[in-house]
PDB file of N, CA and C in Angstrom:
ATOM      1  N   UNK A   1       0.842  -0.939   0.106  1.00  0.00           N
ATOM      2  CA  UNK A   1       0.109   0.198   0.333  1.00  0.00           C
ATOM      3  C   UNK A   1       1.048   1.530  -0.173  1.00  0.00           C
ATOM      4  N   UNK A   2       1.642   1.185   0.660  1.00  0.00           N
ATOM      5  CA  UNK A   2       3.136   2.150   0.743  1.00  0.00           C
ATOM      6  C   UNK A   2       3.338   3.137  -0.790  1.00  0.00           C
ATOM      7  N   UNK A   3       3.996   1.839  -1.243  1.00  0.00           N
ATOM      8  CA  UNK A   3       4.427   2.096  -2.907  1.00  0.00           C
ATOM      9  C   UNK A   3       2.821   3.172  -3.207  1.00  0.00           C
ATOM     10  N   UNK A   4       2.535   2.406  -3.339  1.00  0.00           N
ATOM     11  CA  UNK A   4       1.390   3.769  -4.635  1.00  0.00           C
ATOM     12  C   UNK A   4       1.121   4.923  -3.406  1.00  0.00           C
ATOM     13  N   UNK A   5       0.996   4.655  -2.457  1.00  0.00           N
ATOM     14  CA  UNK A   5       1.225   6.183  -1.885  1.00  0.00           C
ATOM     15  C   UNK A   5       1.832   7.026  -2.249  1.00  0.00           C
ATOM     16  N   UNK A   6       3.226   6.662  -2.032  1.00  0.00           N
ATOM     17  CA  UNK A   6       4.188   7.421  -2.600  1.00  0.00           C
ATOM     18  C   UNK A   6       4.270   7.761  -4.118  1.00  0.00           C
ATOM     19  N   UNK A   7       3.644   6.444  -4.816  1.00  0.00           N
ATOM     20  CA  UNK A   7       3.715   7.132  -6.462  1.00  0.00           C
ATOM     21  C   UNK A   7       2.479   8.083  -6.972  1.00  0.00           C
ATOM     22  N   UNK A   8       1.291   8.179  -6.208  1.00  0.00           N
ATOM     23  CA  UNK A   8       0.422   9.267  -6.185  1.00  0.00           C
ATOM     24  C   UNK A   8       0.848  10.570  -5.604  1.00  0.00           C
ATOM     25  N   UNK A   9       1.545  10.494  -5.040  1.00  0.00           N
ATOM     26  CA  UNK A   9       1.975  11.808  -4.064  1.00  0.00           C
ATOM     27  C   UNK A   9       2.812  12.370  -5.757  1.00  0.00           C
ATOM     28  N   UNK A  10       4.381  10.965  -5.695  1.00  0.00           N
ATOM     29  CA  UNK A  10       4.689  11.958  -7.070  1.00  0.00           C
ATOM     30  C   UNK A  10       3.652  12.580  -8.493  1.00  0.00           C
ATOM     31  N   UNK A  11       2.752  11.908  -8.322  1.00  0.00           N
ATOM     32  CA  UNK A  11       1.931  12.495  -9.723  1.00  0.00           C
ATOM     33  C   UNK A  11       1.434  13.587  -9.153  1.00  0.00           C
ATOM     34  N   UNK A  12       0.481  14.273  -7.467  1.00  0.00           N
ATOM     35  CA  UNK A  12       0.171  14.685  -7.328  1.00  0.00           C
ATOM     36  C   UNK A  12       0.955  15.984  -7.778  1.00  0.00           C
ATOM     37  N   UNK A  13       1.846  15.839  -7.083  1.00  0.00           N
ATOM     38  CA  UNK A  13       3.477  16.986  -7.278  1.00  0.00           C
ATOM     39  C   UNK A  13       3.437  17.375  -8.490  1.00  0.00           C
ATOM     40  N   UNK A  14       3.072  16.415  -9.836  1.00  0.00           N
ATOM     41  CA  UNK A  14       3.342  16.506 -11.178  1.00  0.00           C
ATOM     42  C   UNK A  14       2.430  17.192 -11.522  1.00  0.00           C
ATOM     43  N   UNK A  15       1.291  17.021 -10.718  1.00  0.00           N
ATOM     44  CA  UNK A  15       0.151  17.986 -11.187  1.00  0.00           C
ATOM     45  C   UNK A  15      -0.211  18.978 -10.805  1.00  0.00           C
ATOM     46  N   UNK A  16       0.432  19.454  -9.504  1.00  0.00           N
ATOM     47  CA  UNK A  16      -0.001  20.715  -9.163  1.00  0.00           C
ATOM     48  C   UNK A  16       1.628  21.787  -9.808  1.00  0.00           C
ATOM     49  N   UNK A  17       2.467  20.680 -10.270  1.00  0.00           N
ATOM     50  CA  UNK A  17       3.081  22.042 -11.139  1.00  0.00           C
ATOM     51  C   UNK A  17       2.654  21.745 -12.231  1.00  0.00           C
ATOM     52  N   UNK A  18       1.182  21.966 -12.662  1.00  0.00           N
ATOM     53  CA  UNK A  18       1.704  21.917 -14.127  1.00  0.00           C
ATOM     54  C   UNK A  18       0.391  22.940 -14.193  1.00  0.00           C
ATOM     55  N   UNK A  19      -0.243  22.719 -12.451  1.00  0.00           N
ATOM     56  CA  UNK A  19      -1.830  23.735 -12.492  1.00  0.00           C
ATOM     57  C   UNK A  19      -0.732  25.551 -12.403  1.00  0.00           C
ATOM     58  N   UNK A  20       0.290  25.356 -11.840  1.00  0.00           N
ATOM     59  CA  UNK A  20       1.120  26.282 -11.384  1.00  0.00           C
ATOM     60  C   UNK A  20       0.538  26.645 -12.468  1.00  0.00           C
ATOM     61  N   UNK A  21       1.376  26.574 -13.442  1.00  0.00           N
ATOM     62  CA  UNK A  21       2.175  27.149 -15.228  1.00  0.00           C
ATOM     63  C   UNK A  21       1.280  27.384 -16.120  1.00  0.00           C
ATOM     64  N   UNK A  22       0.579  26.948 -15.575  1.00  0.00           N
ATOM     65  CA  UNK A  22      -1.152  26.858 -16.117  1.00  0.00           C
ATOM     66  C   UNK A  22      -2.363  27.730 -15.465  1.00  0.00           C
ATOM     67  N   UNK A  23      -1.834  28.415 -14.397  1.00  0.00           N
ATOM     68  CA  UNK A  23      -2.189  29.533 -13.511  1.00  0.00           C
ATOM     69  C   UNK A  23      -3.773  28.721 -12.959  1.00  0.00           C
ATOM     70  N   UNK A  24      -3.671  27.988 -12.980  1.00  0.00           N
ATOM     71  CA  UNK A  24      -5.691  26.943 -12.785  1.00  0.00           C
ATOM     72  C   UNK A  24      -4.991  26.730 -10.965  1.00  0.00           C
ATOM     73  N   UNK A  25      -5.438  28.175 -10.100  1.00  0.00           N
ATOM     74  CA  UNK A  25      -5.880  28.468  -8.803  1.00  0.00           C
ATOM     75  C   UNK A  25      -7.013  27.804  -8.090  1.00  0.00           C
ATOM     76  N   UNK A  26      -7.762  27.169  -9.355  1.00  0.00           N
ATOM     77  CA  UNK A  26      -8.872  26.213  -8.231  1.00  0.00           C
ATOM     78  C   UNK A  26      -8.064  24.635  -7.863  1.00  0.00           C
ATOM     79  N   UNK A  27      -7.342  24.704  -9.247  1.00  0.00           N
ATOM     80  CA  UNK A  27      -6.532  22.812  -9.115  1.00  0.00           C
ATOM     81  C   UNK A  27      -6.096  23.035  -8.209  1.00  0.00           C
ATOM     82  N   UNK A  28      -5.182  23.916  -7.929  1.00  0.00           N
ATOM     83  CA  UNK A  28      -3.647  23.584  -7.003  1.00  0.00           C
ATOM     84  C   UNK A  28      -4.948  23.720  -5.707  1.00  0.00           C
ATOM     85  N   UNK A  29      -5.250  24.350  -5.465  1.00  0.00           N
ATOM     86  CA  UNK A  29      -6.403  24.358  -3.907  1.00  0.00           C
ATOM     87  C   UNK A  29      -7.096  22.330  -3.983  1.00  0.00           C
ATOM     88  N   UNK A  30      -7.164  22.281  -4.866  1.00  0.00           N
ATOM     89  CA  UNK A  30      -7.901  20.775  -4.583  1.00  0.00           C
ATOM     90  C   UNK A  30      -6.501  19.869  -5.262  1.00  0.00           C
ATOM     91  N   UNK A  31      -5.927  19.793  -5.423  1.00  0.00           N
ATOM     92  CA  UNK A  31      -3.855  19.543  -5.283  1.00  0.00           C
ATOM     93  C   UNK A  31      -4.230  19.353  -3.496  1.00  0.00           C
ATOM     94  N   UNK A  32      -3.584  20.805  -3.004  1.00  0.00           N
ATOM     95  CA  UNK A  32      -3.232  20.795  -2.057  1.00  0.00           C
ATOM     96  C   UNK A  32      -3.733  20.029  -0.767  1.00  0.00           C
ATOM     97  N   UNK A  33      -5.076  19.688  -1.157  1.00  0.00           N
ATOM     98  CA  UNK A  33      -5.924  19.270  -0.028  1.00  0.00           C
ATOM     99  C   UNK A  33      -5.979  18.122  -0.345  1.00  0.00           C
ATOM    100  N   UNK A  34      -5.971  17.368  -1.533  1.00  0.00           N
ATOM    101  CA  UNK A  34      -5.600  15.843  -1.710  1.00  0.00           C
ATOM    102  C   UNK A  34      -4.105  15.446  -0.708  1.00  0.00           C
ATOM    103  N   UNK A  35      -3.614  16.381  -1.232  1.00  0.00           N
ATOM    104  CA  UNK A  35      -2.002  15.989  -0.719  1.00  0.00           C
ATOM    105  C   UNK A  35      -2.006  16.164   0.932  1.00  0.00           C
ATOM    106  N   UNK A  36      -3.044  16.937   1.938  1.00  0.00           N
ATOM    107  CA  UNK A  36      -2.936  16.874   2.897  1.00  0.00           C
ATOM    108  C   UNK A  36      -3.171  15.382   2.982  1.00  0.00           C
ATOM    109  N   UNK A  37      -4.440  14.921   2.358  1.00  0.00           N
ATOM    110  CA  UNK A  37      -4.902  13.390   2.580  1.00  0.00           C
ATOM    111  C   UNK A  37      -4.167  12.277   3.398  1.00  0.00           C
ATOM    112  N   UNK A  38      -3.542  12.755   1.619  1.00  0.00           N
ATOM    113  CA  UNK A  38      -2.694  11.991   1.386  1.00  0.00           C
ATOM    114  C   UNK A  38      -1.432  11.342   2.544  1.00  0.00           C
ATOM    115  N   UNK A  39      -0.717  12.792   2.660  1.00  0.00           N
ATOM    116  CA  UNK A  39       0.162  13.001   3.506  1.00  0.00           C
ATOM    117  C   UNK A  39      -0.366  11.669   4.869  1.00  0.00           C
ATOM    118  N   UNK A  40      -1.642  12.031   5.975  1.00  0.00           N
ATOM    119  CA  UNK A  40      -2.107  11.596   6.902  1.00  0.00           C
ATOM    120  C   UNK A  40      -2.213   9.726   6.543  1.00  0.00           C
ATOM    121  N   UNK A  41      -2.876   9.608   5.313  1.00  0.00           N
ATOM    122  CA  UNK A  41      -3.204   8.565   5.017  1.00  0.00           C
ATOM    123  C   UNK A  41      -1.220   7.404   5.040  1.00  0.00           C
ATOM    124  N   UNK A  42      -0.988   8.003   4.441  1.00  0.00           N
ATOM    125  CA  UNK A  42       0.470   7.776   4.751  1.00  0.00           C
ATOM    126  C   UNK A  42       1.142   7.668   5.892  1.00  0.00           C
ATOM    127  N   UNK A  43       1.365   8.533   6.975  1.00  0.00           N
ATOM    128  CA  UNK A  43       1.428   7.913   7.876  1.00  0.00           C
ATOM    129  C   UNK A  43       0.940   7.613   8.794  1.00  0.00           C
ATOM    130  N   UNK A  44      -0.407   7.026   8.392  1.00  0.00           N
ATOM    131  CA  UNK A  44      -1.775   6.108   8.949  1.00  0.00           C
ATOM    132  C   UNK A  44      -0.909   4.524   8.453  1.00  0.00           C
ATOM    133  N   UNK A  45       0.221   4.604   7.379  1.00  0.00           N
ATOM    134  CA  UNK A  45      -0.170   4.010   6.625  1.00  0.00           C
ATOM    135  C   UNK A  45       1.067   2.482   7.346  1.00  0.00           C
ATOM    136  N   UNK A  46       2.264   3.691   7.272  1.00  0.00           N
ATOM    137  CA  UNK A  46       3.529   3.900   8.502  1.00  0.00           C
ATOM    138  C   UNK A  46       3.410   2.859   9.504  1.00  0.00           C
ATOM    139  N   UNK A  47       2.345   3.918  10.455  1.00  0.00           N
ATOM    140  CA  UNK A  47       2.034   3.953  11.752  1.00  0.00           C
ATOM    141  C   UNK A  47       1.836   2.184  11.863  1.00  0.00           C
ATOM    142  N   UNK A  48       0.335   1.616  10.958  1.00  0.00           N
ATOM    143  CA  UNK A  48       0.612  -0.107  10.861  1.00  0.00           C
ATOM    144  C   UNK A  48       1.198  -1.181  10.688  1.00  0.00           C
ATOM    145  N   UNK A  49       2.387  -0.659  10.218  1.00  0.00           N
ATOM    146  CA  UNK A  49       3.641  -1.140   9.245  1.00  0.00           C
ATOM    147  C   UNK A  49       4.805  -0.871  10.063  1.00  0.00           C
ATOM    148  N   UNK A  50       4.433  -0.289  11.459  1.00  0.00           N
ATOM    149  CA  UNK A  50       5.657  -0.402  12.308  1.00  0.00           C
ATOM    150  C   UNK A  50       5.123  -1.566  13.196  1.00  0.00           C
ATOM    151  N   UNK A  51       3.703  -1.634  14.211  1.00  0.00           N
ATOM    152  CA  UNK A  51       3.029  -2.321  14.634  1.00  0.00           C
ATOM    153  C   UNK A  51       2.691  -3.074  14.284  1.00  0.00           C
ATOM    154  N   UNK A  52       3.174  -4.153  13.042  1.00  0.00           N
ATOM    155  CA  UNK A  52       2.485  -5.822  12.106  1.00  0.00           C
ATOM    156  C   UNK A  52       3.622  -5.817  11.497  1.00  0.00           C
ATOM    157  N   UNK A  53       3.827  -7.017  12.492  1.00  0.00           N
ATOM    158  CA  UNK A  53       5.339  -7.695  12.035  1.00  0.00           C
ATOM    159  C   UNK A  53       5.081  -8.543  10.535  1.00  0.00           C
ATOM    160  N   UNK A  54       4.249  -8.847  10.053  1.00  0.00           N
ATOM    161  CA  UNK A  54       3.603  -9.048   9.144  1.00  0.00           C
ATOM    162  C   UNK A  54       3.358 -10.238   8.804  1.00  0.00           C
ATOM    163  N   UNK A  55       4.281 -11.480  10.406  1.00  0.00           N
ATOM    164  CA  UNK A  55       4.134 -13.003  10.722  1.00  0.00           C
ATOM    165  C   UNK A  55       3.126 -13.252  12.051  1.00  0.00           C
ATOM    166  N   UNK A  56       2.279 -13.863  11.453  1.00  0.00           N
ATOM    167  CA  UNK A  56       1.402 -13.893  12.503  1.00  0.00           C
ATOM    168  C   UNK A  56       1.607 -15.528  13.241  1.00  0.00           C
ATOM    169  N   UNK A  57       2.323 -15.380  14.384  1.00  0.00           N
ATOM    170  CA  UNK A  57       2.309 -16.022  15.478  1.00  0.00           C
ATOM    171  C   UNK A  57       1.271 -17.400  15.437  1.00  0.00           C
ATOM    172  N   UNK A  58       1.688 -18.335  15.218  1.00  0.00           N
ATOM    173  CA  UNK A  58       0.173 -18.964  15.720  1.00  0.00           C
ATOM    174  C   UNK A  58       0.638 -20.313  17.114  1.00  0.00           C
ATOM    175  N   UNK A  59       1.699 -20.806  17.355  1.00  0.00           N
ATOM    176  CA  UNK A  59       2.676 -21.477  17.501  1.00  0.00           C
ATOM    177  C   UNK A  59       2.205 -22.597  18.218  1.00  0.00           C
ATOM    178  N   UNK A  60       2.982 -23.341  17.876  1.00  0.00           N
ATOM    179  CA  UNK A  60       3.283 -25.275  18.430  1.00  0.00           C
ATOM    180  C   UNK A  60       1.627 -25.614  18.124  1.00  0.00           C
ATOM    181  N   UNK A  61       2.164 -27.005  17.642  1.00  0.00           N
ATOM    182  CA  UNK A  61       0.253 -27.603  17.874  1.00  0.00           C
ATOM    183  C   UNK A  61       0.548 -28.791  18.380  1.00  0.00           C
ATOM    184  N   UNK A  62      -0.947 -28.505  19.129  1.00  0.00           N
ATOM    185  CA  UNK A  62      -0.906 -29.516  20.420  1.00  0.00           C
ATOM    186  C   UNK A  62      -1.753 -31.378  19.550  1.00  0.00           C
ATOM    187  N   UNK A  63      -0.985 -32.404  20.179  1.00  0.00           N
ATOM    188  CA  UNK A  63      -1.857 -33.255  19.719  1.00  0.00           C
ATOM    189  C   UNK A  63      -2.327 -33.983  20.721  1.00  0.00           C
ATOM    190  N   UNK A  64      -3.233 -34.885  20.018  1.00  0.00           N
ATOM    191  CA  UNK A  64      -4.367 -34.812  21.234  1.00  0.00           C
ATOM    192  C   UNK A  64      -4.096 -36.465  21.056  1.00  0.00           C
ATOM    193  N   UNK A  65      -4.129 -37.352  22.869  1.00  0.00           N
ATOM    194  CA  UNK A  65      -4.408 -38.972  22.444  1.00  0.00           C
ATOM    195  C   UNK A  65      -6.637 -39.817  22.527  1.00  0.00           C
ATOM    196  N   UNK A  66      -5.660 -40.159  21.996  1.00  0.00           N
ATOM    197  CA  UNK A  66      -7.678 -40.909  21.800  1.00  0.00           C
ATOM    198  C   UNK A  66      -7.397 -41.641  22.683  1.00  0.00           C
ATOM    199  N   UNK A  67      -8.897 -42.390  22.815  1.00  0.00           N
ATOM    200  CA  UNK A  67      -9.003 -42.593  23.973  1.00  0.00           C
ATOM    201  C   UNK A  67      -9.842 -44.226  23.345  1.00  0.00           C
TER     202      UNK A  67
END
């Protein structure tokens, strides 16, 4: 998920530069809002990645005797 968010962020920065060049002030405002929300999403994903190891510990299986 994090690599995709980084890719989206790069694209948004490119779009913002173009919007500045073209003078599209409304577009710039929308992109800035999206970048702020994306930064929050990235931070949440990074926090989640630090708290989850990615490996589930299931413990040792127990065999039961049949009677």
